[in-house]
Amino acid sequence: MRMKDFDSKWCDWVQKYIEKVSVGIRICWPYSLLEPKRMASGMAHFEKKKEAIAALPERLQAAALIPDMTPFPANRYMATLTPPIEGYIEKVRDAAKKYSVKEKLR
């Protein structure tokens, strides 16, 4: 591939980019088959949420429609699917203390 008034380095880069995009399209093809199913399950969830809100009393419906935008508390850990590893937090804190001492010595 050679474009007029462009150096060969640029043309090579464009050619490699085009090849990567075509590879990406081939890789994403199976994902695109599953995307409609994922979207349908999301819509079903949304419909169930609307039905649940409609079943609430009037005063609770108004409160349920207001989105909760409060940030996650900084002093709490996020929920995970695995149980906590005993002693892990202490190891992280000790490593942080050692690192902060090294920074002060410089």
Protein backbone atom coordinates (compact mmCIF):
# COMPACT_ATOMS: atom_id res chain seq x y z
CA MET A 1 0.00 0.00 0.00
CA ARG A 2 1.45 3.35 -0.99
CA MET A 3 -0.34 6.66 -0.62
CA LYS A 4 0.72 9.68 -2.60
CA ASP A 5 2.75 12.29 -0.65
CA PHE A 6 3.07 10.11 2.47
CA ASP A 7 6.29 8.51 3.67
CA SER A 8 6.61 4.75 3.74
CA LYS A 9 6.68 4.59 7.56
CA TRP A 10 3.23 6.17 7.75
CA CYS A 11 1.88 3.89 5.01
CA ASP A 12 3.21 0.81 6.84
CA TRP A 13 1.53 1.94 10.04
CA VAL A 14 -1.81 2.42 8.26
CA GLN A 15 -1.51 -1.02 6.65
CA LYS A 16 -0.81 -2.68 10.02
CA TYR A 17 -3.74 -0.82 11.58
CA ILE A 18 -6.09 -2.02 8.85
CA GLU A 19 -4.92 -5.59 9.36
CA LYS A 20 -5.43 -5.37 13.13
CA VAL A 21 -8.95 -4.01 12.70
CA SER A 22 -9.88 -6.87 10.40
CA VAL A 23 -8.50 -9.34 12.96
CA GLY A 24 -10.49 -7.55 15.68
CA ILE A 25 -13.65 -7.85 13.62
CA ARG A 26 -13.10 -11.61 13.26
CA ILE A 27 -12.50 -11.94 17.01
CA CYS A 28 -15.55 -9.85 17.96
CA TRP A 29 -17.89 -11.78 15.68
CA PRO A 30 -18.82 -14.48 18.26
CA TYR A 31 -19.40 -11.75 20.85
CA SER A 32 -21.80 -9.97 18.53
CA LEU A 33 -23.92 -13.14 18.42
CA LEU A 34 -24.34 -13.04 22.20
CA GLU A 35 -24.96 -9.31 22.45
CA PRO A 36 -28.73 -9.45 21.63
CA LYS A 37 -29.25 -12.04 24.38
CA ARG A 38 -27.38 -9.87 26.88
CA MET A 39 -29.38 -6.83 25.91
CA ALA A 40 -32.66 -8.75 26.19
CA SER A 41 -31.80 -9.92 29.71
CA GLY A 42 -30.97 -6.34 30.66
CA MET A 43 -34.30 -5.14 29.30
CA ALA A 44 -36.12 -7.88 31.24
CA HIS A 45 -34.38 -6.68 34.40
CA PHE A 46 -35.43 -3.11 33.65
CA GLU A 47 -39.04 -4.17 33.08
CA LYS A 48 -39.10 -6.10 36.37
CA LYS A 49 -37.72 -3.06 38.16
CA LYS A 50 -40.47 -0.87 36.68
CA GLU A 51 -43.12 -3.40 37.72
CA ALA A 52 -41.73 -3.54 41.26
CA ILE A 53 -41.77 0.24 41.55
CA ALA A 54 -45.35 0.34 40.22
CA ALA A 55 -46.40 -2.13 42.96
CA LEU A 56 -45.18 0.23 45.71
CA PRO A 57 -47.44 2.74 47.46
CA GLU A 58 -47.56 6.21 45.90
CA ARG A 59 -45.24 7.91 48.39
CA LEU A 60 -42.62 5.16 48.04
CA GLN A 61 -42.82 5.24 44.25
CA ALA A 62 -41.63 8.84 44.20
CA ALA A 63 -38.68 7.97 46.42
CA ALA A 64 -37.81 4.88 44.35
CA LEU A 65 -37.64 6.89 41.13
CA ILE A 66 -34.94 9.23 42.49
CA PRO A 67 -31.51 7.76 41.64
CA ASP A 68 -29.13 7.20 44.55
CA MET A 69 -25.94 9.05 43.59
CA THR A 70 -24.24 8.97 47.00
CA PRO A 71 -20.60 7.91 46.71
CA PHE A 72 -19.41 4.67 48.24
CA PRO A 73 -17.95 5.33 51.71
CA ALA A 74 -14.17 5.65 51.55
CA ASN A 75 -13.66 3.87 54.88
CA ARG A 76 -15.46 0.69 53.76
CA TYR A 77 -14.42 -2.08 51.41
CA MET A 78 -16.35 -2.98 48.29
CA ALA A 79 -18.34 -6.20 48.38
CA THR A 80 -16.61 -9.12 46.68
CA LEU A 81 -17.56 -12.64 45.70
CA THR A 82 -14.69 -14.19 47.67
CA PRO A 83 -14.21 -14.17 51.43
CA PRO A 84 -11.49 -11.92 52.83
CA ILE A 85 -7.98 -13.35 53.07
CA GLU A 86 -6.83 -13.33 56.68
CA GLY A 87 -3.82 -11.13 57.26
CA TYR A 88 -3.88 -9.58 53.81
CA ILE A 89 -4.80 -6.07 54.98
CA GLU A 90 -2.04 -6.13 57.59
CA LYS A 91 0.51 -7.13 54.94
CA VAL A 92 -0.64 -4.31 52.67
CA ARG A 93 -0.44 -1.78 55.52
CA ASP A 94 3.04 -2.97 56.51
CA ALA A 95 4.23 -2.71 52.91
CA ALA A 96 2.77 0.79 52.67
CA LYS A 97 4.56 1.83 55.86
CA LYS A 98 7.88 0.46 54.57
CA TYR A 99 7.40 2.25 51.27
CA SER A 100 6.54 5.56 52.92
CA VAL A 101 9.67 5.32 55.12
CA LYS A 102 11.82 4.78 52.01
CA GLU A 103 10.28 7.84 50.37
CA LYS A 104 11.14 10.02 53.36
CA LEU A 105 14.78 8.90 53.39
CA ARG A 106 15.43 10.06 49.86
